[in-house]
N, C-alpha and C. Protein backbone atom coordinates (compact mmCIF):
# COMPACT_ATOMS: atom_id res chain seq x y z
N MET A 1 -12.87 -15.73 -6.94
CA MET A 1 -11.95 -14.73 -7.46
C MET A 1 -10.90 -15.38 -8.35
N GLU A 2 -10.62 -14.74 -9.47
CA GLU A 2 -9.57 -15.20 -10.36
C GLU A 2 -8.50 -14.12 -10.49
N LEU A 3 -7.24 -14.53 -10.42
CA LEU A 3 -6.12 -13.62 -10.55
C LEU A 3 -5.08 -14.23 -11.48
N ASP A 4 -4.62 -13.45 -12.43
CA ASP A 4 -3.53 -13.87 -13.30
C ASP A 4 -2.26 -13.17 -12.80
N PRO A 5 -1.32 -13.92 -12.23
CA PRO A 5 -0.14 -13.27 -11.67
C PRO A 5 0.67 -12.48 -12.70
N ARG A 6 0.54 -12.83 -13.97
CA ARG A 6 1.28 -12.12 -15.01
C ARG A 6 0.81 -10.68 -15.16
N THR A 7 -0.43 -10.42 -14.78
CA THR A 7 -0.99 -9.07 -14.92
C THR A 7 -1.40 -8.47 -13.58
N THR A 8 -0.91 -9.07 -12.50
CA THR A 8 -1.29 -8.64 -11.15
C THR A 8 -0.10 -8.07 -10.39
N ALA A 9 -0.33 -6.97 -9.70
CA ALA A 9 0.69 -6.39 -8.82
C ALA A 9 0.10 -6.14 -7.45
N ALA A 10 0.85 -6.50 -6.42
CA ALA A 10 0.49 -6.12 -5.05
C ALA A 10 1.13 -4.77 -4.76
N VAL A 11 0.36 -3.87 -4.18
CA VAL A 11 0.86 -2.54 -3.84
C VAL A 11 0.85 -2.39 -2.32
N ALA A 12 2.03 -2.37 -1.72
CA ALA A 12 2.17 -2.20 -0.27
C ALA A 12 2.34 -0.72 0.02
N VAL A 13 1.37 -0.14 0.70
CA VAL A 13 1.31 1.31 0.88
C VAL A 13 1.90 1.75 2.22
N HIS A 14 2.92 2.56 2.15
CA HIS A 14 3.48 3.28 3.29
C HIS A 14 3.82 2.41 4.50
N CYS A 15 4.43 1.27 4.24
CA CYS A 15 4.85 0.39 5.34
C CYS A 15 6.22 0.83 5.83
N GLN A 16 6.27 2.07 6.31
CA GLN A 16 7.51 2.71 6.74
C GLN A 16 7.52 2.91 8.25
N GLY A 17 8.68 3.00 8.82
CA GLY A 17 8.80 3.13 10.26
C GLY A 17 8.03 4.28 10.85
N ASP A 18 8.05 5.43 10.21
CA ASP A 18 7.35 6.60 10.73
C ASP A 18 5.84 6.45 10.66
N VAL A 19 5.35 5.54 9.82
CA VAL A 19 3.91 5.37 9.64
C VAL A 19 3.37 4.20 10.44
N VAL A 20 4.03 3.04 10.34
CA VAL A 20 3.50 1.83 10.98
C VAL A 20 4.29 1.37 12.20
N GLY A 21 5.44 1.97 12.44
CA GLY A 21 6.31 1.52 13.53
C GLY A 21 5.89 2.02 14.90
N PRO A 22 6.38 1.39 15.96
CA PRO A 22 6.00 1.77 17.33
C PRO A 22 6.62 3.08 17.80
N THR A 23 7.68 3.54 17.15
CA THR A 23 8.34 4.78 17.57
C THR A 23 8.28 5.86 16.51
N GLY A 24 7.51 5.62 15.46
CA GLY A 24 7.43 6.58 14.36
C GLY A 24 6.61 7.81 14.71
N ALA A 25 6.68 8.80 13.85
CA ALA A 25 5.97 10.06 14.07
C ALA A 25 4.46 9.87 14.12
N PHE A 26 3.96 8.86 13.40
CA PHE A 26 2.52 8.62 13.35
C PHE A 26 2.10 7.44 14.24
N ALA A 27 2.97 7.05 15.15
CA ALA A 27 2.66 5.89 16.00
C ALA A 27 1.39 6.10 16.81
N ASP A 28 1.17 7.31 17.31
CA ASP A 28 -0.03 7.57 18.11
C ASP A 28 -1.30 7.45 17.27
N PHE A 29 -1.18 7.64 15.97
CA PHE A 29 -2.33 7.53 15.09
C PHE A 29 -2.58 6.07 14.68
N PHE A 30 -1.53 5.39 14.24
CA PHE A 30 -1.73 4.15 13.50
C PHE A 30 -1.24 2.87 14.16
N HIS A 31 -0.31 2.96 15.10
CA HIS A 31 0.35 1.73 15.54
C HIS A 31 -0.59 0.76 16.24
N GLN A 32 -1.52 1.26 17.01
CA GLN A 32 -2.42 0.36 17.74
C GLN A 32 -3.21 -0.52 16.77
N GLN A 33 -3.77 0.07 15.74
CA GLN A 33 -4.54 -0.71 14.78
C GLN A 33 -3.64 -1.60 13.91
N VAL A 34 -2.46 -1.12 13.59
CA VAL A 34 -1.49 -1.96 12.87
C VAL A 34 -1.21 -3.22 13.66
N THR A 35 -1.06 -3.06 14.97
CA THR A 35 -0.77 -4.20 15.84
C THR A 35 -1.99 -5.10 16.00
N GLU A 36 -3.13 -4.50 16.32
CA GLU A 36 -4.34 -5.29 16.58
C GLU A 36 -4.80 -6.07 15.35
N ARG A 37 -4.58 -5.49 14.18
CA ARG A 37 -5.02 -6.15 12.94
C ARG A 37 -3.90 -6.96 12.28
N HIS A 38 -2.74 -7.02 12.94
CA HIS A 38 -1.60 -7.81 12.44
C HIS A 38 -1.26 -7.43 11.00
N VAL A 39 -1.27 -6.13 10.74
CA VAL A 39 -1.13 -5.64 9.37
C VAL A 39 0.21 -6.04 8.74
N ILE A 40 1.28 -5.96 9.49
CA ILE A 40 2.60 -6.27 8.91
C ILE A 40 2.63 -7.73 8.45
N ASP A 41 2.17 -8.63 9.29
CA ASP A 41 2.14 -10.05 8.92
C ASP A 41 1.22 -10.28 7.72
N GLN A 42 0.09 -9.59 7.70
CA GLN A 42 -0.86 -9.77 6.61
C GLN A 42 -0.31 -9.24 5.29
N VAL A 43 0.32 -8.08 5.34
CA VAL A 43 0.94 -7.54 4.13
C VAL A 43 2.03 -8.47 3.64
N SER A 44 2.83 -8.97 4.58
CA SER A 44 3.90 -9.91 4.22
C SER A 44 3.34 -11.14 3.52
N ALA A 45 2.22 -11.64 4.00
CA ALA A 45 1.61 -12.82 3.39
C ALA A 45 1.14 -12.54 1.97
N VAL A 46 0.57 -11.36 1.75
CA VAL A 46 0.14 -10.99 0.40
C VAL A 46 1.33 -10.89 -0.55
N LEU A 47 2.37 -10.21 -0.10
CA LEU A 47 3.54 -10.02 -0.96
C LEU A 47 4.21 -11.35 -1.28
N SER A 48 4.29 -12.22 -0.29
CA SER A 48 4.89 -13.54 -0.51
C SER A 48 4.09 -14.35 -1.51
N ALA A 49 2.77 -14.31 -1.40
CA ALA A 49 1.91 -15.05 -2.32
C ALA A 49 2.07 -14.55 -3.75
N VAL A 50 2.15 -13.24 -3.91
CA VAL A 50 2.30 -12.65 -5.24
C VAL A 50 3.67 -13.01 -5.82
N ARG A 51 4.71 -12.89 -5.01
CA ARG A 51 6.05 -13.25 -5.50
C ARG A 51 6.11 -14.72 -5.92
N GLU A 52 5.58 -15.59 -5.08
CA GLU A 52 5.64 -17.02 -5.36
C GLU A 52 4.88 -17.39 -6.63
N ALA A 53 3.85 -16.62 -6.94
CA ALA A 53 3.06 -16.88 -8.14
C ALA A 53 3.67 -16.24 -9.38
N GLY A 54 4.71 -15.44 -9.19
CA GLY A 54 5.35 -14.78 -10.32
C GLY A 54 4.79 -13.42 -10.65
N GLY A 55 4.03 -12.84 -9.70
CA GLY A 55 3.47 -11.52 -9.91
C GLY A 55 4.45 -10.42 -9.55
N THR A 56 3.97 -9.20 -9.59
CA THR A 56 4.79 -8.01 -9.34
C THR A 56 4.48 -7.43 -7.98
N VAL A 57 5.52 -7.01 -7.26
CA VAL A 57 5.35 -6.36 -5.96
C VAL A 57 5.83 -4.92 -6.06
N VAL A 58 4.98 -4.01 -5.62
CA VAL A 58 5.29 -2.59 -5.63
C VAL A 58 5.16 -2.05 -4.21
N TYR A 59 6.16 -1.30 -3.78
CA TYR A 59 6.07 -0.58 -2.51
C TYR A 59 5.94 0.90 -2.84
N THR A 60 4.96 1.56 -2.23
CA THR A 60 4.92 3.02 -2.31
C THR A 60 5.35 3.57 -0.96
N ARG A 61 6.26 4.51 -1.03
CA ARG A 61 6.75 5.14 0.20
C ARG A 61 6.76 6.65 -0.02
N VAL A 62 6.49 7.36 1.05
CA VAL A 62 6.47 8.81 0.97
C VAL A 62 7.67 9.35 1.74
N ALA A 63 8.40 10.27 1.12
CA ALA A 63 9.59 10.85 1.77
C ALA A 63 9.92 12.17 1.09
N TRP A 64 10.49 13.05 1.87
CA TRP A 64 10.83 14.37 1.36
C TRP A 64 12.30 14.69 1.62
N LYS A 65 12.80 15.70 0.93
CA LYS A 65 14.18 16.15 1.14
C LYS A 65 14.34 16.58 2.60
N PRO A 66 15.54 16.44 3.16
CA PRO A 66 15.76 16.79 4.56
C PRO A 66 15.33 18.22 4.92
N ASP A 67 15.40 19.13 3.94
CA ASP A 67 14.99 20.51 4.23
C ASP A 67 13.52 20.76 3.89
N PHE A 68 12.81 19.70 3.47
CA PHE A 68 11.39 19.78 3.13
C PHE A 68 11.09 20.77 2.00
N SER A 69 12.07 21.04 1.18
CA SER A 69 11.85 21.99 0.09
C SER A 69 10.88 21.45 -0.96
N ASP A 70 10.63 20.14 -0.92
CA ASP A 70 9.68 19.54 -1.87
C ASP A 70 8.36 19.16 -1.20
N LEU A 71 8.13 19.67 0.02
CA LEU A 71 6.89 19.40 0.74
C LEU A 71 5.92 20.56 0.57
N GLU A 72 4.79 20.27 -0.03
CA GLU A 72 3.73 21.27 -0.17
C GLU A 72 2.64 20.95 0.84
N VAL A 73 2.56 21.77 1.88
CA VAL A 73 1.62 21.52 2.96
C VAL A 73 0.26 22.11 2.59
N ASN A 74 -0.60 21.26 2.04
CA ASN A 74 -1.93 21.71 1.66
C ASN A 74 -3.01 20.87 2.33
N SER A 75 -2.64 20.14 3.39
CA SER A 75 -3.62 19.34 4.13
C SER A 75 -3.12 19.17 5.56
N PRO A 76 -4.03 18.91 6.50
CA PRO A 76 -3.62 18.68 7.89
C PRO A 76 -2.62 17.53 8.03
N LEU A 77 -2.80 16.49 7.24
CA LEU A 77 -1.90 15.34 7.33
C LEU A 77 -0.47 15.73 6.97
N LEU A 78 -0.31 16.49 5.90
CA LEU A 78 1.03 16.93 5.51
C LEU A 78 1.56 17.99 6.47
N GLY A 79 0.63 18.70 7.14
CA GLY A 79 1.06 19.64 8.17
C GLY A 79 1.73 18.92 9.33
N ILE A 80 1.24 17.73 9.66
CA ILE A 80 1.85 16.93 10.72
C ILE A 80 3.27 16.54 10.33
N VAL A 81 3.45 16.21 9.06
CA VAL A 81 4.80 15.87 8.58
C VAL A 81 5.74 17.04 8.81
N ALA A 82 5.30 18.22 8.42
CA ALA A 82 6.16 19.41 8.57
C ALA A 82 6.45 19.71 10.03
N GLN A 83 5.43 19.60 10.87
CA GLN A 83 5.59 19.92 12.29
C GLN A 83 6.48 18.92 13.02
N SER A 84 6.35 17.66 12.65
CA SER A 84 7.11 16.62 13.36
C SER A 84 8.49 16.39 12.75
N GLY A 85 8.69 16.86 11.54
CA GLY A 85 9.98 16.66 10.88
C GLY A 85 10.25 15.22 10.51
N CYS A 86 9.20 14.49 10.20
CA CYS A 86 9.35 13.06 9.93
C CYS A 86 9.48 12.78 8.44
N LEU A 87 9.72 11.51 8.13
CA LEU A 87 9.75 11.01 6.76
C LEU A 87 10.72 11.77 5.87
N LYS A 88 11.88 12.08 6.45
CA LYS A 88 12.94 12.72 5.67
C LYS A 88 13.75 11.65 4.94
N GLU A 89 13.99 11.88 3.65
CA GLU A 89 14.77 10.94 2.87
C GLU A 89 16.13 10.70 3.52
N GLY A 90 16.49 9.44 3.66
CA GLY A 90 17.76 9.08 4.28
C GLY A 90 17.64 8.71 5.74
N SER A 91 16.50 9.01 6.37
CA SER A 91 16.31 8.65 7.77
C SER A 91 15.84 7.20 7.87
N GLU A 92 16.21 6.55 8.96
CA GLU A 92 15.86 5.14 9.14
C GLU A 92 14.36 4.92 9.16
N LEU A 93 13.63 5.83 9.80
CA LEU A 93 12.18 5.65 9.93
C LEU A 93 11.42 5.95 8.65
N ALA A 94 12.10 6.47 7.64
CA ALA A 94 11.44 6.68 6.35
C ALA A 94 11.52 5.44 5.48
N GLU A 95 12.30 4.45 5.93
CA GLU A 95 12.48 3.24 5.13
C GLU A 95 11.37 2.22 5.41
N ILE A 96 11.22 1.27 4.49
CA ILE A 96 10.28 0.17 4.68
C ILE A 96 10.70 -0.63 5.91
N VAL A 97 9.75 -1.01 6.76
CA VAL A 97 10.10 -1.73 7.99
C VAL A 97 10.72 -3.09 7.64
N GLU A 98 11.62 -3.53 8.50
CA GLU A 98 12.45 -4.69 8.22
C GLU A 98 11.67 -5.97 7.86
N PRO A 99 10.57 -6.28 8.54
CA PRO A 99 9.87 -7.52 8.16
C PRO A 99 9.37 -7.52 6.71
N LEU A 100 9.29 -6.32 6.11
CA LEU A 100 8.78 -6.20 4.75
C LEU A 100 9.84 -5.70 3.78
N THR A 101 11.09 -5.89 4.11
CA THR A 101 12.19 -5.41 3.27
C THR A 101 12.00 -5.84 1.82
N PRO A 102 12.03 -4.90 0.88
CA PRO A 102 11.84 -5.24 -0.53
C PRO A 102 12.89 -6.23 -1.03
N HIS A 103 12.47 -7.08 -1.96
CA HIS A 103 13.38 -7.98 -2.64
C HIS A 103 13.95 -7.28 -3.86
N GLY A 104 14.98 -7.85 -4.41
CA GLY A 104 15.68 -7.20 -5.51
C GLY A 104 14.85 -6.86 -6.71
N GLU A 105 13.87 -7.71 -7.01
CA GLU A 105 13.06 -7.50 -8.21
C GLU A 105 11.83 -6.62 -7.96
N ASP A 106 11.60 -6.24 -6.72
CA ASP A 106 10.44 -5.42 -6.38
C ASP A 106 10.62 -3.98 -6.85
N ILE A 107 9.51 -3.31 -7.08
CA ILE A 107 9.54 -1.89 -7.43
C ILE A 107 9.31 -1.08 -6.15
N VAL A 108 10.17 -0.11 -5.89
CA VAL A 108 10.00 0.79 -4.75
C VAL A 108 9.84 2.20 -5.30
N LEU A 109 8.66 2.77 -5.10
CA LEU A 109 8.35 4.08 -5.66
C LEU A 109 8.18 5.09 -4.54
N THR A 110 8.95 6.17 -4.61
CA THR A 110 8.87 7.24 -3.62
C THR A 110 8.08 8.40 -4.19
N HIS A 111 7.17 8.93 -3.40
CA HIS A 111 6.36 10.06 -3.86
C HIS A 111 6.19 11.07 -2.73
N GLN A 112 5.60 12.21 -3.06
CA GLN A 112 5.48 13.30 -2.09
C GLN A 112 4.04 13.73 -1.83
N ARG A 113 3.08 13.05 -2.43
CA ARG A 113 1.68 13.37 -2.20
C ARG A 113 1.00 12.23 -1.45
N ILE A 114 -0.26 12.38 -1.11
CA ILE A 114 -0.97 11.33 -0.38
C ILE A 114 -1.13 10.09 -1.26
N GLY A 115 -1.53 10.31 -2.50
CA GLY A 115 -1.67 9.21 -3.44
C GLY A 115 -0.39 8.99 -4.23
N ALA A 116 -0.14 7.74 -4.61
CA ALA A 116 1.14 7.40 -5.24
C ALA A 116 1.21 7.71 -6.73
N PHE A 117 0.08 8.00 -7.37
CA PHE A 117 0.12 8.30 -8.80
C PHE A 117 0.48 9.75 -9.08
N ALA A 118 0.21 10.63 -8.12
CA ALA A 118 0.42 12.07 -8.34
C ALA A 118 1.91 12.40 -8.44
N GLY A 119 2.28 12.95 -9.58
CA GLY A 119 3.66 13.39 -9.77
C GLY A 119 4.68 12.28 -9.92
N THR A 120 4.23 11.06 -10.23
CA THR A 120 5.16 9.94 -10.38
C THR A 120 4.90 9.23 -11.71
N ASP A 121 5.78 8.28 -12.04
CA ASP A 121 5.60 7.48 -13.25
C ASP A 121 5.03 6.10 -12.92
N LEU A 122 4.27 5.99 -11.83
CA LEU A 122 3.73 4.69 -11.42
C LEU A 122 2.86 4.08 -12.51
N ASP A 123 1.99 4.87 -13.10
CA ASP A 123 1.11 4.35 -14.14
C ASP A 123 1.92 3.77 -15.31
N THR A 124 2.95 4.49 -15.72
CA THR A 124 3.80 4.03 -16.82
C THR A 124 4.53 2.75 -16.45
N LEU A 125 5.06 2.68 -15.23
CA LEU A 125 5.77 1.49 -14.78
C LEU A 125 4.86 0.26 -14.82
N LEU A 126 3.63 0.43 -14.36
CA LEU A 126 2.69 -0.69 -14.32
C LEU A 126 2.28 -1.11 -15.73
N ARG A 127 1.97 -0.15 -16.57
CA ARG A 127 1.54 -0.48 -17.93
C ARG A 127 2.67 -1.13 -18.73
N ASP A 128 3.90 -0.68 -18.51
CA ASP A 128 5.04 -1.28 -19.20
C ASP A 128 5.21 -2.75 -18.84
N LYS A 129 4.75 -3.14 -17.65
CA LYS A 129 4.84 -4.52 -17.20
C LYS A 129 3.57 -5.31 -17.52
N GLY A 130 2.61 -4.67 -18.17
CA GLY A 130 1.37 -5.35 -18.52
C GLY A 130 0.43 -5.56 -17.36
N ILE A 131 0.57 -4.76 -16.30
CA ILE A 131 -0.26 -4.92 -15.11
C ILE A 131 -1.64 -4.31 -15.34
N THR A 132 -2.67 -5.08 -15.02
CA THR A 132 -4.04 -4.60 -15.13
C THR A 132 -4.83 -4.71 -13.83
N THR A 133 -4.29 -5.49 -12.88
CA THR A 133 -4.96 -5.69 -11.59
C THR A 133 -4.03 -5.26 -10.46
N LEU A 134 -4.55 -4.47 -9.53
CA LEU A 134 -3.76 -3.99 -8.40
C LEU A 134 -4.39 -4.46 -7.10
N LEU A 135 -3.59 -5.10 -6.25
CA LEU A 135 -4.02 -5.54 -4.93
C LEU A 135 -3.45 -4.58 -3.90
N PHE A 136 -4.31 -3.86 -3.20
CA PHE A 136 -3.83 -2.84 -2.27
C PHE A 136 -3.82 -3.35 -0.83
N ALA A 137 -2.71 -3.07 -0.13
CA ALA A 137 -2.57 -3.39 1.29
C ALA A 137 -1.72 -2.30 1.93
N GLY A 138 -1.91 -2.08 3.23
CA GLY A 138 -1.07 -1.11 3.92
C GLY A 138 -1.85 -0.10 4.74
N VAL A 139 -1.25 1.07 4.93
CA VAL A 139 -1.75 2.08 5.86
C VAL A 139 -1.65 3.47 5.20
N ALA A 140 -2.59 4.34 5.40
CA ALA A 140 -3.84 4.13 6.11
C ALA A 140 -4.95 3.90 5.11
N THR A 141 -5.89 3.05 5.49
CA THR A 141 -6.98 2.69 4.60
C THR A 141 -7.67 3.91 4.02
N ASN A 142 -7.97 4.88 4.88
CA ASN A 142 -8.78 6.04 4.48
C ASN A 142 -7.95 7.20 3.95
N ALA A 143 -6.65 7.02 3.81
CA ALA A 143 -5.80 8.10 3.29
C ALA A 143 -5.07 7.60 2.04
N SER A 144 -3.86 7.12 2.19
CA SER A 144 -3.07 6.78 1.02
C SER A 144 -3.53 5.52 0.30
N VAL A 145 -4.08 4.54 1.03
CA VAL A 145 -4.62 3.36 0.35
C VAL A 145 -5.81 3.79 -0.51
N GLU A 146 -6.77 4.47 0.11
CA GLU A 146 -7.96 4.89 -0.62
C GLU A 146 -7.61 5.88 -1.72
N GLY A 147 -6.75 6.84 -1.41
CA GLY A 147 -6.38 7.86 -2.38
C GLY A 147 -5.75 7.27 -3.63
N THR A 148 -4.86 6.31 -3.45
CA THR A 148 -4.21 5.68 -4.59
C THR A 148 -5.15 4.74 -5.33
N ALA A 149 -5.97 4.02 -4.57
CA ALA A 149 -6.91 3.08 -5.18
C ALA A 149 -7.95 3.81 -6.03
N ARG A 150 -8.42 4.96 -5.59
CA ARG A 150 -9.42 5.70 -6.36
C ARG A 150 -8.85 6.14 -7.71
N VAL A 151 -7.62 6.63 -7.70
CA VAL A 151 -7.00 7.05 -8.95
C VAL A 151 -6.78 5.84 -9.85
N ALA A 152 -6.36 4.72 -9.26
CA ALA A 152 -6.15 3.50 -10.04
C ALA A 152 -7.44 3.09 -10.75
N SER A 153 -8.55 3.21 -10.05
CA SER A 153 -9.84 2.88 -10.65
C SER A 153 -10.14 3.81 -11.82
N ASP A 154 -9.90 5.10 -11.64
CA ASP A 154 -10.14 6.06 -12.71
C ASP A 154 -9.23 5.81 -13.92
N LEU A 155 -8.05 5.27 -13.67
CA LEU A 155 -7.10 4.98 -14.74
C LEU A 155 -7.42 3.67 -15.46
N GLY A 156 -8.41 2.94 -14.96
CA GLY A 156 -8.85 1.74 -15.66
C GLY A 156 -8.33 0.43 -15.12
N TYR A 157 -7.64 0.45 -13.99
CA TYR A 157 -7.17 -0.79 -13.40
C TYR A 157 -8.29 -1.52 -12.68
N ARG A 158 -8.19 -2.83 -12.62
CA ARG A 158 -9.03 -3.62 -11.73
C ARG A 158 -8.43 -3.45 -10.33
N VAL A 159 -9.20 -2.94 -9.40
CA VAL A 159 -8.70 -2.63 -8.07
C VAL A 159 -9.27 -3.62 -7.06
N VAL A 160 -8.38 -4.21 -6.28
CA VAL A 160 -8.77 -5.14 -5.21
C VAL A 160 -8.17 -4.63 -3.90
N ILE A 161 -9.00 -4.42 -2.92
CA ILE A 161 -8.53 -4.02 -1.59
C ILE A 161 -8.43 -5.28 -0.73
N VAL A 162 -7.24 -5.57 -0.23
CA VAL A 162 -7.08 -6.71 0.68
C VAL A 162 -7.43 -6.21 2.07
N GLU A 163 -8.69 -6.34 2.41
CA GLU A 163 -9.26 -5.65 3.58
C GLU A 163 -8.55 -5.98 4.88
N ASP A 164 -8.19 -7.24 5.06
CA ASP A 164 -7.56 -7.60 6.34
C ASP A 164 -6.05 -7.40 6.33
N ALA A 165 -5.55 -6.70 5.31
CA ALA A 165 -4.14 -6.32 5.28
C ALA A 165 -4.00 -4.80 5.26
N CYS A 166 -5.05 -4.11 5.71
CA CYS A 166 -5.06 -2.65 5.78
C CYS A 166 -5.54 -2.21 7.16
N SER A 167 -5.19 -0.99 7.53
CA SER A 167 -5.75 -0.42 8.76
C SER A 167 -5.69 1.09 8.68
N ALA A 168 -6.49 1.72 9.55
CA ALA A 168 -6.52 3.17 9.68
C ALA A 168 -6.29 3.52 11.15
N ALA A 169 -6.51 4.78 11.50
CA ALA A 169 -6.28 5.19 12.88
C ALA A 169 -7.27 4.56 13.84
N THR A 170 -8.49 4.31 13.34
CA THR A 170 -9.54 3.70 14.16
C THR A 170 -10.27 2.64 13.34
N PRO A 171 -10.89 1.68 13.99
CA PRO A 171 -11.70 0.70 13.25
C PRO A 171 -12.82 1.38 12.46
N GLU A 172 -13.38 2.44 13.03
CA GLU A 172 -14.48 3.14 12.36
C GLU A 172 -14.02 3.81 11.07
N ALA A 173 -12.84 4.42 11.11
CA ALA A 173 -12.30 5.06 9.91
C ALA A 173 -12.00 4.03 8.83
N HIS A 174 -11.45 2.89 9.24
CA HIS A 174 -11.16 1.81 8.29
C HIS A 174 -12.46 1.31 7.65
N GLU A 175 -13.47 1.07 8.48
CA GLU A 175 -14.72 0.52 7.98
C GLU A 175 -15.42 1.49 7.04
N ALA A 176 -15.40 2.77 7.38
CA ALA A 176 -16.03 3.77 6.52
C ALA A 176 -15.36 3.82 5.16
N SER A 177 -14.04 3.73 5.15
CA SER A 177 -13.29 3.74 3.89
C SER A 177 -13.60 2.51 3.06
N ILE A 178 -13.65 1.35 3.70
CA ILE A 178 -13.96 0.11 3.00
C ILE A 178 -15.36 0.17 2.40
N ASN A 179 -16.31 0.70 3.15
CA ASN A 179 -17.68 0.83 2.64
C ASN A 179 -17.74 1.75 1.43
N SER A 180 -16.98 2.83 1.48
CA SER A 180 -16.95 3.76 0.36
C SER A 180 -16.27 3.15 -0.86
N LEU A 181 -15.16 2.48 -0.65
CA LEU A 181 -14.41 1.88 -1.75
C LEU A 181 -15.14 0.71 -2.40
N GLY A 182 -16.11 0.15 -1.70
CA GLY A 182 -16.86 -0.96 -2.26
C GLY A 182 -17.56 -0.64 -3.56
N LEU A 183 -17.75 0.64 -3.85
CA LEU A 183 -18.36 1.06 -5.11
C LEU A 183 -17.36 1.09 -6.26
N LEU A 184 -16.07 1.07 -5.91
CA LEU A 184 -15.02 1.23 -6.92
C LEU A 184 -14.08 0.05 -7.01
N ALA A 185 -14.09 -0.82 -6.02
CA ALA A 185 -13.09 -1.89 -5.95
C ALA A 185 -13.71 -3.17 -5.42
N GLU A 186 -13.04 -4.27 -5.69
CA GLU A 186 -13.41 -5.55 -5.09
C GLU A 186 -12.77 -5.64 -3.71
N MET A 187 -13.43 -6.32 -2.79
CA MET A 187 -12.88 -6.56 -1.47
C MET A 187 -12.46 -8.03 -1.36
N ALA A 188 -11.31 -8.26 -0.76
CA ALA A 188 -10.82 -9.63 -0.63
C ALA A 188 -10.06 -9.76 0.68
N THR A 189 -9.82 -10.99 1.06
CA THR A 189 -9.00 -11.29 2.23
C THR A 189 -7.66 -11.83 1.78
N VAL A 190 -6.71 -11.89 2.70
CA VAL A 190 -5.40 -12.47 2.39
C VAL A 190 -5.57 -13.91 1.93
N ASP A 191 -6.41 -14.66 2.61
CA ASP A 191 -6.62 -16.06 2.25
C ASP A 191 -7.19 -16.19 0.83
N ALA A 192 -8.12 -15.31 0.48
CA ALA A 192 -8.72 -15.36 -0.86
C ALA A 192 -7.70 -15.06 -1.94
N ILE A 193 -6.83 -14.10 -1.65
CA ILE A 193 -5.77 -13.76 -2.61
C ILE A 193 -4.84 -14.95 -2.80
N ASN A 194 -4.43 -15.55 -1.69
CA ASN A 194 -3.53 -16.70 -1.76
C ASN A 194 -4.16 -17.85 -2.53
N THR A 195 -5.43 -18.11 -2.26
CA THR A 195 -6.15 -19.19 -2.94
C THR A 195 -6.23 -18.94 -4.44
N ALA A 196 -6.56 -17.71 -4.81
CA ALA A 196 -6.70 -17.37 -6.23
C ALA A 196 -5.37 -17.48 -6.96
N LEU A 197 -4.31 -17.01 -6.34
CA LEU A 197 -2.99 -17.09 -6.99
C LEU A 197 -2.50 -18.52 -7.09
N THR A 198 -2.74 -19.30 -6.04
CA THR A 198 -2.35 -20.71 -6.06
C THR A 198 -3.10 -21.46 -7.15
N ALA A 199 -4.39 -21.16 -7.28
CA ALA A 199 -5.20 -21.80 -8.31
C ALA A 199 -4.70 -21.44 -9.70
N SER A 200 -4.27 -20.20 -9.87
CA SER A 200 -3.77 -19.78 -11.18
C SER A 200 -2.50 -20.52 -11.55
N VAL A 201 -1.62 -20.68 -10.58
CA VAL A 201 -0.35 -21.37 -10.83
C VAL A 201 -0.55 -22.85 -11.10
N THR A 202 -1.48 -23.46 -10.34
CA THR A 202 -1.68 -24.91 -10.47
C THR A 202 -2.67 -25.28 -11.56
N GLY A 203 -3.38 -24.25 -12.08
CA GLY A 203 -4.33 -24.51 -13.15
C GLY A 203 -5.67 -25.02 -12.68
N THR A 204 -5.93 -24.89 -11.37
CA THR A 204 -7.23 -25.32 -10.85
C THR A 204 -8.16 -24.12 -10.80
N THR A 205 -9.41 -24.35 -10.46
CA THR A 205 -10.40 -23.27 -10.40
C THR A 205 -10.65 -22.87 -8.96
N ALA A 206 -10.47 -21.56 -8.68
CA ALA A 206 -10.68 -21.06 -7.33
C ALA A 206 -12.16 -20.80 -7.09
């Protein structure tokens, strides 16, 4: 694998307290797999490698107004948001979890749909920075990771799924999503990403 950090961005998907945390609204869905797969540590490793190589780090987070006036419930997943009253802008659990706190130069994009491109200027932000390759990590593999990655592919980006830095509600759901995305994206590990970025910086061949 070859990666040019100048044109590469890591996209950390929904690493928020309500989604990946032990006390969040979606803890019963996602926390077990987040823990078993060490997703927070793995995402952190990807982001650190990209930063150290001089690449771009993007966080996508989903949050709505406290009165949910901007929430359009057109799916069961968004229905859970409405019923539980979670992911309200300004709440602690809507923020990125502390181990993954964004750095000053990172991009933090808030959106209201499952995928991060819908209704946002994410595509413009990436193109303005000359980004052509996106490394996806986060939760959930079969929802917001896959949803955003599919649109990225349609928009012409080189899409790489960092498989061991993602998780879903179950191992089966994660695996099914990875198998489906294999037609649209490259699959990589955290170690492979780190090796490729290190090779790019040092001028060696990965």
